[in-house]
Amino acid sequence: QQIDAWAEAHHMTRSGFLASAVKQAMAARS
């Protein structure tokens, strides 16, 4: 629920949030 609220506050979809999270994770690994 917190993630959904954060996403709504930032005008992002849940899939968009997950996509950005994946990008951050990939960037952190490399």
PDB file of N, CA and C in Angstrom:
ATOM      1  N   GLN A   1       0.830  -1.198   0.000  1.00  0.00           N
ATOM      2  CA  GLN A   1       0.000   0.000   0.000  1.00  0.00           C
ATOM      3  C   GLN A   1       0.869   1.253   0.000  1.00  0.00           C
ATOM      4  N   GLN A   2       1.945   1.240   0.728  1.00  0.00           N
ATOM      5  CA  GLN A   2       2.828   2.405   0.764  1.00  0.00           C
ATOM      6  C   GLN A   2       3.388   2.689  -0.619  1.00  0.00           C
ATOM      7  N   ILE A   3       3.770   1.637  -1.336  1.00  0.00           N
ATOM      8  CA  ILE A   3       4.330   1.815  -2.683  1.00  0.00           C
ATOM      9  C   ILE A   3       3.270   2.408  -3.602  1.00  0.00           C
ATOM     10  N   ASP A   4       2.038   1.921  -3.490  1.00  0.00           N
ATOM     11  CA  ASP A   4       0.959   2.451  -4.331  1.00  0.00           C
ATOM     12  C   ASP A   4       0.755   3.928  -4.041  1.00  0.00           C
ATOM     13  N   ALA A   5       0.768   4.309  -2.778  1.00  0.00           N
ATOM     14  CA  ALA A   5       0.578   5.709  -2.399  1.00  0.00           C
ATOM     15  C   ALA A   5       1.722   6.556  -2.931  1.00  0.00           C
ATOM     16  N   TRP A   6       2.948   6.044  -2.821  1.00  0.00           N
ATOM     17  CA  TRP A   6       4.125   6.768  -3.325  1.00  0.00           C
ATOM     18  C   TRP A   6       4.017   6.941  -4.829  1.00  0.00           C
ATOM     19  N   ALA A   7       3.620   5.876  -5.502  1.00  0.00           N
ATOM     20  CA  ALA A   7       3.488   5.924  -6.959  1.00  0.00           C
ATOM     21  C   ALA A   7       2.429   6.945  -7.358  1.00  0.00           C
ATOM     22  N   GLU A   8       1.312   6.950  -6.653  1.00  0.00           N
ATOM     23  CA  GLU A   8       0.258   7.914  -6.973  1.00  0.00           C
ATOM     24  C   GLU A   8       0.764   9.331  -6.762  1.00  0.00           C
ATOM     25  N   ALA A   9       1.512   9.543  -5.697  1.00  0.00           N
ATOM     26  CA  ALA A   9       2.032  10.876  -5.398  1.00  0.00           C
ATOM     27  C   ALA A   9       2.986  11.337  -6.486  1.00  0.00           C
ATOM     28  N   HIS A  10       3.682  10.400  -7.107  1.00  0.00           N
ATOM     29  CA  HIS A  10       4.656  10.755  -8.131  1.00  0.00           C
ATOM     30  C   HIS A  10       4.120  10.510  -9.541  1.00  0.00           C
ATOM     31  N   HIS A  11       2.789  10.297  -9.637  1.00  0.00           N
ATOM     32  CA  HIS A  11       2.149  10.115 -10.947  1.00  0.00           C
ATOM     33  C   HIS A  11       2.797   8.975 -11.722  1.00  0.00           C
ATOM     34  N   MET A  12       3.069   7.886 -11.022  1.00  0.00           N
ATOM     35  CA  MET A  12       3.672   6.735 -11.695  1.00  0.00           C
ATOM     36  C   MET A  12       2.764   5.524 -11.518  1.00  0.00           C
ATOM     37  N   THR A  13       2.836   4.608 -12.451  1.00  0.00           N
ATOM     38  CA  THR A  13       2.083   3.368 -12.313  1.00  0.00           C
ATOM     39  C   THR A  13       2.926   2.387 -11.508  1.00  0.00           C
ATOM     40  N   ARG A  14       2.306   1.343 -11.003  1.00  0.00           N
ATOM     41  CA  ARG A  14       3.071   0.362 -10.228  1.00  0.00           C
ATOM     42  C   ARG A  14       4.129  -0.282 -11.110  1.00  0.00           C
ATOM     43  N   SER A  15       3.778  -0.562 -12.361  1.00  0.00           N
ATOM     44  CA  SER A  15       4.746  -1.170 -13.285  1.00  0.00           C
ATOM     45  C   SER A  15       5.891  -0.201 -13.534  1.00  0.00           C
ATOM     46  N   GLY A  16       5.575   1.080 -13.607  1.00  0.00           N
ATOM     47  CA  GLY A  16       6.612   2.090 -13.816  1.00  0.00           C
ATOM     48  C   GLY A  16       7.549   2.132 -12.619  1.00  0.00           C
ATOM     49  N   PHE A  17       6.983   2.012 -11.416  1.00  0.00           N
ATOM     50  CA  PHE A  17       7.803   1.992 -10.202  1.00  0.00           C
ATOM     51  C   PHE A  17       8.714   0.770 -10.197  1.00  0.00           C
ATOM     52  N   LEU A  18       8.160  -0.379 -10.548  1.00  0.00           N
ATOM     53  CA  LEU A  18       8.955  -1.607 -10.578  1.00  0.00           C
ATOM     54  C   LEU A  18      10.063  -1.492 -11.613  1.00  0.00           C
ATOM     55  N   ALA A  19       9.746  -0.900 -12.763  1.00  0.00           N
ATOM     56  CA  ALA A  19      10.739  -0.746 -13.825  1.00  0.00           C
ATOM     57  C   ALA A  19      11.890   0.119 -13.338  1.00  0.00           C
ATOM     58  N   SER A  20      11.576   1.219 -12.660  1.00  0.00           N
ATOM     59  CA  SER A  20      12.628   2.100 -12.164  1.00  0.00           C
ATOM     60  C   SER A  20      13.436   1.392 -11.080  1.00  0.00           C
ATOM     61  N   ALA A  21      12.777   0.582 -10.265  1.00  0.00           N
ATOM     62  CA  ALA A  21      13.476  -0.158  -9.217  1.00  0.00           C
ATOM     63  C   ALA A  21      14.450  -1.154  -9.835  1.00  0.00           C
ATOM     64  N   VAL A  22      14.019  -1.811 -10.910  1.00  0.00           N
ATOM     65  CA  VAL A  22      14.885  -2.770 -11.598  1.00  0.00           C
ATOM     66  C   VAL A  22      16.089  -2.044 -12.186  1.00  0.00           C
ATOM     67  N   LYS A  23      15.849  -0.891 -12.787  1.00  0.00           N
ATOM     68  CA  LYS A  23      16.948  -0.116 -13.380  1.00  0.00           C
ATOM     69  C   LYS A  23      17.970   0.250 -12.311  1.00  0.00           C
ATOM     70  N   GLN A  24      17.488   0.672 -11.146  1.00  0.00           N
ATOM     71  CA  GLN A  24      18.391   1.042 -10.053  1.00  0.00           C
ATOM     72  C   GLN A  24      19.186  -0.173  -9.589  1.00  0.00           C
ATOM     73  N   ALA A  25      18.525  -1.321  -9.502  1.00  0.00           N
ATOM     74  CA  ALA A  25      19.196  -2.540  -9.062  1.00  0.00           C
ATOM     75  C   ALA A  25      20.276  -2.941 -10.064  1.00  0.00           C
ATOM     76  N   MET A  26      19.961  -2.864 -11.345  1.00  0.00           N
ATOM     77  CA  MET A  26      20.931  -3.222 -12.380  1.00  0.00           C
ATOM     78  C   MET A  26      22.116  -2.261 -12.340  1.00  0.00           C
ATOM     79  N   ALA A  27      21.842  -0.976 -12.162  1.00  0.00           N
ATOM     80  CA  ALA A  27      22.908   0.026 -12.116  1.00  0.00           C
ATOM     81  C   ALA A  27      23.799  -0.214 -10.899  1.00  0.00           C
ATOM     82  N   ALA A  28      23.197  -0.623  -9.795  1.00  0.00           N
ATOM     83  CA  ALA A  28      23.967  -0.857  -8.575  1.00  0.00           C
ATOM     84  C   ALA A  28      24.892  -2.065  -8.746  1.00  0.00           C
ATOM     85  N   ARG A  29      24.415  -3.076  -9.481  1.00  0.00           N
ATOM     86  CA  ARG A  29      25.235  -4.280  -9.672  1.00  0.00           C
ATOM     87  C   ARG A  29      26.436  -3.983 -10.559  1.00  0.00           C
ATOM     88  N   SER A  30      26.229  -3.170 -11.588  1.00  0.00           N
ATOM     89  CA  SER A  30      27.316  -2.886 -12.531  1.00  0.00           C
ATOM     90  C   SER A  30      28.051  -1.623 -12.108  1.00  0.00           C
TER      91      SER A  30
END
